[in-house]
Amino acid sequence: MGKSGEIARAKARRLKGMKKESDGIALGDERMKAEGRREQDAARREEERARALRDSSDS
């Protein structure tokens, strides 16, 4: 997958985590909220890593 594809995939995962967190809030489900936050954090780290790799290869 291309470098921009990795970033897009990470953004999609982050949005999925946001939705899960939002659903957890709406349903009052603390486990779902926490899982959504964990998914967002993991996706954010993945996106940062992909951006760093892209930026380093552009130099």
PDB file of N, CA and C in Angstrom:
ATOM      1  N   MET A   1       0.846  -1.170   0.000  1.00  0.00           N
ATOM      2  CA  MET A   1       0.000   0.000   0.000  1.00  0.00           C
ATOM      3  C   MET A   1       0.897   1.239   0.000  1.00  0.00           C
ATOM      4  N   GLY A   2       0.454   2.260  -0.687  1.00  0.00           N
ATOM      5  CA  GLY A   2       1.228   3.486  -0.751  1.00  0.00           C
ATOM      6  C   GLY A   2       1.236   4.230   0.563  1.00  0.00           C
ATOM      7  N   LYS A   3       2.131   5.192   0.641  1.00  0.00           N
ATOM      8  CA  LYS A   3       2.273   5.948   1.887  1.00  0.00           C
ATOM      9  C   LYS A   3       1.001   6.709   2.237  1.00  0.00           C
ATOM     10  N   SER A   4       0.374   7.326   1.235  1.00  0.00           N
ATOM     11  CA  SER A   4      -0.857   8.065   1.525  1.00  0.00           C
ATOM     12  C   SER A   4      -1.996   7.110   1.852  1.00  0.00           C
ATOM     13  N   GLY A   5      -1.955   5.913   1.309  1.00  0.00           N
ATOM     14  CA  GLY A   5      -2.970   4.910   1.633  1.00  0.00           C
ATOM     15  C   GLY A   5      -2.899   4.482   3.085  1.00  0.00           C
ATOM     16  N   GLU A   6      -1.683   4.377   3.613  1.00  0.00           N
ATOM     17  CA  GLU A   6      -1.520   4.017   5.023  1.00  0.00           C
ATOM     18  C   GLU A   6      -2.092   5.105   5.930  1.00  0.00           C
ATOM     19  N   ILE A   7      -1.874   6.349   5.546  1.00  0.00           N
ATOM     20  CA  ILE A   7      -2.412   7.468   6.333  1.00  0.00           C
ATOM     21  C   ILE A   7      -3.937   7.448   6.276  1.00  0.00           C
ATOM     22  N   ALA A   8      -4.490   7.224   5.089  1.00  0.00           N
ATOM     23  CA  ALA A   8      -5.949   7.187   4.936  1.00  0.00           C
ATOM     24  C   ALA A   8      -6.549   6.036   5.746  1.00  0.00           C
ATOM     25  N   ARG A   9      -5.892   4.888   5.738  1.00  0.00           N
ATOM     26  CA  ARG A   9      -6.396   3.749   6.501  1.00  0.00           C
ATOM     27  C   ARG A   9      -6.384   4.067   8.003  1.00  0.00           C
ATOM     28  N   ALA A  10      -5.333   4.724   8.465  1.00  0.00           N
ATOM     29  CA  ALA A  10      -5.254   5.086   9.884  1.00  0.00           C
ATOM     30  C   ALA A  10      -6.350   6.090  10.246  1.00  0.00           C
ATOM     31  N   LYS A  11      -6.620   7.041   9.352  1.00  0.00           N
ATOM     32  CA  LYS A  11      -7.687   8.011   9.612  1.00  0.00           C
ATOM     33  C   LYS A  11      -9.037   7.313   9.689  1.00  0.00           C
ATOM     34  N   ALA A  12      -9.253   6.343   8.802  1.00  0.00           N
ATOM     35  CA  ALA A  12     -10.514   5.598   8.825  1.00  0.00           C
ATOM     36  C   ALA A  12     -10.655   4.817  10.135  1.00  0.00           C
ATOM     37  N   ARG A  13      -9.565   4.223  10.595  1.00  0.00           N
ATOM     38  CA  ARG A  13      -9.598   3.495  11.867  1.00  0.00           C
ATOM     39  C   ARG A  13      -9.888   4.440  13.022  1.00  0.00           C
ATOM     40  N   ARG A  14      -9.324   5.651  12.946  1.00  0.00           N
ATOM     41  CA  ARG A  14      -9.558   6.628  14.005  1.00  0.00           C
ATOM     42  C   ARG A  14     -11.029   7.037  14.042  1.00  0.00           C
ATOM     43  N   LEU A  15     -11.624   7.231  12.860  1.00  0.00           N
ATOM     44  CA  LEU A  15     -13.043   7.567  12.795  1.00  0.00           C
ATOM     45  C   LEU A  15     -13.910   6.432  13.340  1.00  0.00           C
ATOM     46  N   LYS A  16     -13.515   5.203  13.048  1.00  0.00           N
ATOM     47  CA  LYS A  16     -14.242   4.049  13.575  1.00  0.00           C
ATOM     48  C   LYS A  16     -14.194   4.046  15.109  1.00  0.00           C
ATOM     49  N   GLY A  17     -13.033   4.377  15.656  1.00  0.00           N
ATOM     50  CA  GLY A  17     -12.900   4.468  17.109  1.00  0.00           C
ATOM     51  C   GLY A  17     -13.746   5.585  17.684  1.00  0.00           C
ATOM     52  N   MET A  18     -13.818   6.711  16.972  1.00  0.00           N
ATOM     53  CA  MET A  18     -14.649   7.827  17.427  1.00  0.00           C
ATOM     54  C   MET A  18     -16.118   7.427  17.468  1.00  0.00           C
ATOM     55  N   LYS A  19     -16.547   6.702  16.445  1.00  0.00           N
ATOM     56  CA  LYS A  19     -17.936   6.257  16.399  1.00  0.00           C
ATOM     57  C   LYS A  19     -18.227   5.293  17.545  1.00  0.00           C
ATOM     58  N   LYS A  20     -17.295   4.393  17.797  1.00  0.00           N
ATOM     59  CA  LYS A  20     -17.498   3.434  18.889  1.00  0.00           C
ATOM     60  C   LYS A  20     -17.570   4.165  20.227  1.00  0.00           C
ATOM     61  N   GLU A  21     -16.704   5.154  20.414  1.00  0.00           N
ATOM     62  CA  GLU A  21     -16.740   5.928  21.655  1.00  0.00           C
ATOM     63  C   GLU A  21     -18.073   6.673  21.774  1.00  0.00           C
ATOM     64  N   SER A  22     -18.510   7.270  20.685  1.00  0.00           N
ATOM     65  CA  SER A  22     -19.779   7.995  20.673  1.00  0.00           C
ATOM     66  C   SER A  22     -20.952   7.068  20.979  1.00  0.00           C
ATOM     67  N   ASP A  23     -20.941   5.888  20.389  1.00  0.00           N
ATOM     68  CA  ASP A  23     -22.001   4.909  20.665  1.00  0.00           C
ATOM     69  C   ASP A  23     -21.977   4.509  22.138  1.00  0.00           C
ATOM     70  N   GLY A  24     -20.784   4.340  22.674  1.00  0.00           N
ATOM     71  CA  GLY A  24     -20.662   3.995  24.092  1.00  0.00           C
ATOM     72  C   GLY A  24     -21.226   5.079  24.987  1.00  0.00           C
ATOM     73  N   ILE A  25     -20.982   6.325  24.622  1.00  0.00           N
ATOM     74  CA  ILE A  25     -21.527   7.450  25.396  1.00  0.00           C
ATOM     75  C   ILE A  25     -23.050   7.426  25.327  1.00  0.00           C
ATOM     76  N   ALA A  26     -23.581   7.252  24.109  1.00  0.00           N
ATOM     77  CA  ALA A  26     -25.035   7.255  23.930  1.00  0.00           C
ATOM     78  C   ALA A  26     -25.703   6.105  24.676  1.00  0.00           C
ATOM     79  N   LEU A  27     -25.043   4.970  24.718  1.00  0.00           N
ATOM     80  CA  LEU A  27     -25.620   3.793  25.367  1.00  0.00           C
ATOM     81  C   LEU A  27     -25.255   3.690  26.852  1.00  0.00           C
ATOM     82  N   GLY A  28     -24.361   4.551  27.290  1.00  0.00           N
ATOM     83  CA  GLY A  28     -23.911   4.486  28.683  1.00  0.00           C
ATOM     84  C   GLY A  28     -23.023   3.273  28.941  1.00  0.00           C
ATOM     85  N   ASP A  29     -22.308   2.838  27.909  1.00  0.00           N
ATOM     86  CA  ASP A  29     -21.458   1.640  27.994  1.00  0.00           C
ATOM     87  C   ASP A  29     -19.999   2.075  28.144  1.00  0.00           C
ATOM     88  N   GLU A  30     -19.496   2.012  29.373  1.00  0.00           N
ATOM     89  CA  GLU A  30     -18.127   2.458  29.656  1.00  0.00           C
ATOM     90  C   GLU A  30     -17.083   1.614  28.921  1.00  0.00           C
ATOM     91  N   ARG A  31     -17.338   0.310  28.777  1.00  0.00           N
ATOM     92  CA  ARG A  31     -16.398  -0.576  28.097  1.00  0.00           C
ATOM     93  C   ARG A  31     -16.259  -0.167  26.628  1.00  0.00           C
ATOM     94  N   MET A  32     -17.378   0.137  25.984  1.00  0.00           N
ATOM     95  CA  MET A  32     -17.353   0.535  24.577  1.00  0.00           C
ATOM     96  C   MET A  32     -16.639   1.880  24.412  1.00  0.00           C
ATOM     97  N   LYS A  33     -16.890   2.804  25.341  1.00  0.00           N
ATOM     98  CA  LYS A  33     -16.213   4.103  25.291  1.00  0.00           C
ATOM     99  C   LYS A  33     -14.704   3.919  25.381  1.00  0.00           C
ATOM    100  N   ALA A  34     -14.267   3.109  26.337  1.00  0.00           N
ATOM    101  CA  ALA A  34     -12.832   2.888  26.534  1.00  0.00           C
ATOM    102  C   ALA A  34     -12.212   2.204  25.313  1.00  0.00           C
ATOM    103  N   GLU A  35     -12.924   1.242  24.752  1.00  0.00           N
ATOM    104  CA  GLU A  35     -12.416   0.544  23.571  1.00  0.00           C
ATOM    105  C   GLU A  35     -12.272   1.516  22.396  1.00  0.00           C
ATOM    106  N   GLY A  36     -13.242   2.395  22.233  1.00  0.00           N
ATOM    107  CA  GLY A  36     -13.180   3.400  21.173  1.00  0.00           C
ATOM    108  C   GLY A  36     -11.988   4.330  21.351  1.00  0.00           C
ATOM    109  N   ARG A  37     -11.730   4.730  22.588  1.00  0.00           N
ATOM    110  CA  ARG A  37     -10.569   5.601  22.858  1.00  0.00           C
ATOM    111  C   ARG A  37      -9.262   4.887  22.559  1.00  0.00           C
ATOM    112  N   ARG A  38      -9.182   3.608  22.942  1.00  0.00           N
ATOM    113  CA  ARG A  38      -7.968   2.826  22.658  1.00  0.00           C
ATOM    114  C   ARG A  38      -7.740   2.701  21.157  1.00  0.00           C
ATOM    115  N   GLU A  39      -8.828   2.453  20.400  1.00  0.00           N
ATOM    116  CA  GLU A  39      -8.701   2.342  18.949  1.00  0.00           C
ATOM    117  C   GLU A  39      -8.239   3.666  18.344  1.00  0.00           C
ATOM    118  N   GLN A  40      -8.777   4.770  18.849  1.00  0.00           N
ATOM    119  CA  GLN A  40      -8.362   6.082  18.356  1.00  0.00           C
ATOM    120  C   GLN A  40      -6.884   6.333  18.628  1.00  0.00           C
ATOM    121  N   ASP A  41      -6.447   6.014  19.831  1.00  0.00           N
ATOM    122  CA  ASP A  41      -5.043   6.214  20.197  1.00  0.00           C
ATOM    123  C   ASP A  41      -4.120   5.389  19.312  1.00  0.00           C
ATOM    124  N   ALA A  42      -4.479   4.125  19.088  1.00  0.00           N
ATOM    125  CA  ALA A  42      -3.654   3.253  18.248  1.00  0.00           C
ATOM    126  C   ALA A  42      -3.616   3.777  16.816  1.00  0.00           C
ATOM    127  N   ALA A  43      -4.746   4.211  16.308  1.00  0.00           N
ATOM    128  CA  ALA A  43      -4.801   4.726  14.940  1.00  0.00           C
ATOM    129  C   ALA A  43      -4.018   6.037  14.826  1.00  0.00           C
ATOM    130  N   ARG A  44      -4.085   6.863  15.860  1.00  0.00           N
ATOM    131  CA  ARG A  44      -3.343   8.129  15.839  1.00  0.00           C
ATOM    132  C   ARG A  44      -1.838   7.864  15.783  1.00  0.00           C
ATOM    133  N   ARG A  45      -1.378   6.884  16.576  1.00  0.00           N
ATOM    134  CA  ARG A  45       0.047   6.522  16.544  1.00  0.00           C
ATOM    135  C   ARG A  45       0.436   5.969  15.175  1.00  0.00           C
ATOM    136  N   GLU A  46      -0.432   5.143  14.603  1.00  0.00           N
ATOM    137  CA  GLU A  46      -0.171   4.577  13.284  1.00  0.00           C
ATOM    138  C   GLU A  46      -0.096   5.683  12.223  1.00  0.00           C
ATOM    139  N   GLU A  47      -0.997   6.658  12.321  1.00  0.00           N
ATOM    140  CA  GLU A  47      -0.998   7.771  11.373  1.00  0.00           C
ATOM    141  C   GLU A  47       0.279   8.610  11.516  1.00  0.00           C
ATOM    142  N   GLU A  48       0.680   8.882  12.742  1.00  0.00           N
ATOM    143  CA  GLU A  48       1.908   9.652  12.963  1.00  0.00           C
ATOM    144  C   GLU A  48       3.124   8.919  12.405  1.00  0.00           C
ATOM    145  N   ARG A  49       3.166   7.598  12.600  1.00  0.00           N
ATOM    146  CA  ARG A  49       4.274   6.798  12.082  1.00  0.00           C
ATOM    147  C   ARG A  49       4.295   6.840  10.556  1.00  0.00           C
ATOM    148  N   ALA A  50       3.129   6.722   9.933  1.00  0.00           N
ATOM    149  CA  ALA A  50       3.053   6.746   8.475  1.00  0.00           C
ATOM    150  C   ALA A  50       3.461   8.115   7.944  1.00  0.00           C
ATOM    151  N   ARG A  51       3.059   9.175   8.622  1.00  0.00           N
ATOM    152  CA  ARG A  51       3.460  10.529   8.194  1.00  0.00           C
ATOM    153  C   ARG A  51       4.973  10.704   8.313  1.00  0.00           C
ATOM    154  N   ALA A  52       5.544  10.213   9.410  1.00  0.00           N
ATOM    155  CA  ALA A  52       6.995  10.332   9.593  1.00  0.00           C
ATOM    156  C   ALA A  52       7.745   9.572   8.516  1.00  0.00           C
ATOM    157  N   LEU A  53       7.261   8.382   8.178  1.00  0.00           N
ATOM    158  CA  LEU A  53       7.916   7.612   7.108  1.00  0.00           C
ATOM    159  C   LEU A  53       7.792   8.320   5.766  1.00  0.00           C
ATOM    160  N   ARG A  54       6.627   8.895   5.517  1.00  0.00           N
ATOM    161  CA  ARG A  54       6.410   9.616   4.259  1.00  0.00           C
ATOM    162  C   ARG A  54       7.325  10.832   4.187  1.00  0.00           C
ATOM    163  N   ASP A  55       7.387  11.588   5.300  1.00  0.00           N
ATOM    164  CA  ASP A  55       8.210  12.793   5.315  1.00  0.00           C
ATOM    165  C   ASP A  55       9.691  12.464   5.189  1.00  0.00           C
ATOM    166  N   SER A  56      10.134  11.389   5.805  1.00  0.00           N
ATOM    167  CA  SER A  56      11.539  11.030   5.728  1.00  0.00           C
ATOM    168  C   SER A  56      11.913  10.540   4.329  1.00  0.00           C
ATOM    169  N   SER A  57      10.982   9.911   3.634  1.00  0.00           N
ATOM    170  CA  SER A  57      11.302   9.427   2.286  1.00  0.00           C
ATOM    171  C   SER A  57      11.202  10.540   1.250  1.00  0.00           C
ATOM    172  N   ASP A  58      10.504  11.636   1.575  1.00  0.00           N
ATOM    173  CA  ASP A  58      10.410  12.768   0.659  1.00  0.00           C
ATOM    174  C   ASP A  58      11.687  13.587   0.622  1.00  0.00           C
ATOM    175  N   SER A  59      12.490  13.478   1.659  1.00  0.00           N
ATOM    176  CA  SER A  59      13.724  14.280   1.770  1.00  0.00           C
ATOM    177  C   SER A  59      14.786  13.790   0.849  1.00  0.00           C
TER     178      SER A  59
END
